[in-house]
């Protein structure tokens, strides 16, 4: 199951920098995870300083 970024996202970009498959991109209000590309590794969730990323 892919991860999802909540409204708590502060758009710091740290998650996108560490995603091994490039599944995270900057959206209008927050960063977004492409569920089809996500490999469910959890690297982004571990990197997020505000804990805005969790399994969907």
N, C-alpha and C. Protein backbone atom coordinates (compact mmCIF):
# COMPACT_ATOMS: atom_id res chain seq x y z
N UNK A 1 0.84 -1.18 0.00
CA UNK A 1 0.00 0.00 0.00
C UNK A 1 0.88 1.24 0.00
N UNK A 2 0.54 2.20 -0.80
CA UNK A 2 1.34 3.42 -0.93
C UNK A 2 1.21 4.31 0.31
N UNK A 3 2.15 5.21 0.43
CA UNK A 3 2.11 6.20 1.50
C UNK A 3 1.34 7.42 1.02
N UNK A 4 0.86 8.23 1.97
CA UNK A 4 0.10 9.44 1.64
C UNK A 4 0.61 10.59 2.50
N UNK A 5 0.63 11.77 1.92
CA UNK A 5 1.07 12.97 2.63
C UNK A 5 -0.17 13.74 3.09
N UNK A 6 -0.22 14.07 4.37
CA UNK A 6 -1.38 14.76 4.94
C UNK A 6 -1.25 16.27 4.79
N UNK A 7 -2.29 16.97 5.24
CA UNK A 7 -2.32 18.43 5.21
C UNK A 7 -1.28 19.05 6.15
N UNK A 8 -0.67 18.25 6.99
CA UNK A 8 0.36 18.76 7.90
C UNK A 8 1.67 19.08 7.17
N UNK A 9 1.75 18.71 5.90
CA UNK A 9 2.95 18.94 5.09
C UNK A 9 3.33 20.42 5.09
N UNK A 10 4.60 20.71 5.32
CA UNK A 10 5.10 22.09 5.32
C UNK A 10 5.91 22.40 4.06
N UNK A 11 5.84 21.52 3.06
CA UNK A 11 6.50 21.70 1.76
C UNK A 11 8.00 21.93 1.87
N UNK A 12 8.66 21.18 2.75
CA UNK A 12 10.11 21.34 2.90
C UNK A 12 10.87 20.59 1.81
N UNK A 13 10.25 19.56 1.22
CA UNK A 13 10.88 18.82 0.14
C UNK A 13 11.81 17.70 0.55
N UNK A 14 11.98 17.49 1.84
CA UNK A 14 12.92 16.45 2.28
C UNK A 14 12.48 15.06 1.85
N UNK A 15 11.18 14.83 1.76
CA UNK A 15 10.67 13.52 1.34
C UNK A 15 11.02 13.24 -0.12
N UNK A 16 10.84 14.24 -0.97
CA UNK A 16 11.13 14.07 -2.40
C UNK A 16 12.61 13.80 -2.64
N UNK A 17 13.46 14.40 -1.83
CA UNK A 17 14.91 14.23 -1.97
C UNK A 17 15.34 12.80 -1.69
N UNK A 18 14.65 12.10 -0.79
CA UNK A 18 15.08 10.76 -0.40
C UNK A 18 14.31 9.62 -1.07
N UNK A 19 13.26 9.93 -1.81
CA UNK A 19 12.47 8.87 -2.46
C UNK A 19 13.31 8.16 -3.51
N UNK A 20 13.52 6.85 -3.36
CA UNK A 20 14.41 6.12 -4.27
C UNK A 20 13.84 5.92 -5.68
N UNK A 21 12.53 6.13 -5.84
CA UNK A 21 11.92 5.92 -7.16
C UNK A 21 11.33 7.21 -7.74
N UNK A 22 11.53 8.34 -7.09
CA UNK A 22 11.05 9.61 -7.60
C UNK A 22 9.53 9.72 -7.65
N UNK A 23 8.85 9.10 -6.69
CA UNK A 23 7.38 9.08 -6.68
C UNK A 23 6.76 10.31 -6.03
N UNK A 24 7.58 11.23 -5.52
CA UNK A 24 7.06 12.39 -4.80
C UNK A 24 7.35 13.67 -5.58
N UNK A 25 6.31 14.49 -5.73
CA UNK A 25 6.48 15.75 -6.44
C UNK A 25 5.75 16.85 -5.68
N UNK A 26 6.11 18.09 -5.98
CA UNK A 26 5.50 19.22 -5.31
C UNK A 26 4.15 19.53 -5.93
N UNK A 27 3.12 19.57 -5.10
CA UNK A 27 1.78 19.93 -5.55
C UNK A 27 1.50 21.38 -5.20
N UNK A 28 0.29 21.82 -5.42
CA UNK A 28 -0.07 23.20 -5.12
C UNK A 28 -0.02 23.52 -3.63
N UNK A 29 -0.65 22.67 -2.83
CA UNK A 29 -0.73 22.93 -1.39
C UNK A 29 0.30 22.16 -0.57
N UNK A 30 0.76 21.03 -1.11
CA UNK A 30 1.69 20.17 -0.37
C UNK A 30 2.35 19.21 -1.36
N UNK A 31 3.32 18.46 -0.89
CA UNK A 31 3.93 17.44 -1.75
C UNK A 31 2.95 16.29 -1.92
N UNK A 32 3.06 15.57 -3.04
CA UNK A 32 2.14 14.48 -3.34
C UNK A 32 2.92 13.23 -3.73
N UNK A 33 2.37 12.08 -3.39
CA UNK A 33 3.00 10.80 -3.72
C UNK A 33 2.20 10.12 -4.82
N UNK A 34 2.87 9.73 -5.88
CA UNK A 34 2.24 8.98 -6.97
C UNK A 34 2.11 7.54 -6.47
N UNK A 35 0.88 7.13 -6.17
CA UNK A 35 0.63 5.81 -5.59
C UNK A 35 1.06 4.68 -6.52
N UNK A 36 0.99 4.91 -7.82
CA UNK A 36 1.39 3.87 -8.78
C UNK A 36 2.90 3.66 -8.81
N UNK A 37 3.65 4.70 -8.48
CA UNK A 37 5.11 4.61 -8.50
C UNK A 37 5.71 4.25 -7.13
N UNK A 38 4.97 4.51 -6.07
CA UNK A 38 5.45 4.26 -4.70
C UNK A 38 5.72 2.76 -4.50
N UNK A 39 6.88 2.45 -3.92
CA UNK A 39 7.25 1.06 -3.66
C UNK A 39 7.09 0.70 -2.17
N UNK A 40 6.44 1.57 -1.41
CA UNK A 40 6.10 1.30 -0.01
C UNK A 40 7.32 1.02 0.87
N UNK A 41 8.39 1.77 0.64
CA UNK A 41 9.61 1.53 1.41
C UNK A 41 9.63 2.28 2.75
N UNK A 42 8.85 3.38 2.86
CA UNK A 42 8.79 4.13 4.10
C UNK A 42 9.90 5.13 4.31
N UNK A 43 10.79 5.27 3.36
CA UNK A 43 11.91 6.21 3.50
C UNK A 43 11.40 7.64 3.68
N UNK A 44 10.38 8.01 2.94
CA UNK A 44 9.84 9.36 3.03
C UNK A 44 9.25 9.63 4.41
N UNK A 45 8.51 8.68 4.95
CA UNK A 45 7.89 8.85 6.26
C UNK A 45 8.95 9.02 7.35
N UNK A 46 10.03 8.28 7.24
CA UNK A 46 11.10 8.39 8.22
C UNK A 46 11.82 9.73 8.13
N UNK A 47 11.84 10.33 6.95
CA UNK A 47 12.55 11.59 6.72
C UNK A 47 11.72 12.81 7.11
N UNK A 48 10.40 12.71 7.08
CA UNK A 48 9.52 13.86 7.28
C UNK A 48 9.66 14.45 8.68
N UNK A 49 10.04 15.74 8.77
CA UNK A 49 10.26 16.36 10.10
C UNK A 49 8.98 16.66 10.86
N UNK A 50 7.82 16.66 10.17
CA UNK A 50 6.57 16.96 10.86
C UNK A 50 5.62 15.75 10.89
N UNK A 51 6.14 14.59 10.54
CA UNK A 51 5.39 13.34 10.55
C UNK A 51 4.08 13.45 9.76
N UNK A 52 4.16 14.05 8.58
CA UNK A 52 2.98 14.25 7.73
C UNK A 52 2.75 13.09 6.75
N UNK A 53 3.59 12.06 6.81
CA UNK A 53 3.48 10.95 5.86
C UNK A 53 3.18 9.66 6.61
N UNK A 54 2.17 8.95 6.11
CA UNK A 54 1.78 7.67 6.73
C UNK A 54 1.25 6.75 5.65
N UNK A 55 1.17 5.47 5.97
CA UNK A 55 0.60 4.51 5.02
C UNK A 55 -0.87 4.84 4.77
N UNK A 56 -1.25 4.79 3.52
CA UNK A 56 -2.65 5.10 3.15
C UNK A 56 -3.58 3.97 3.50
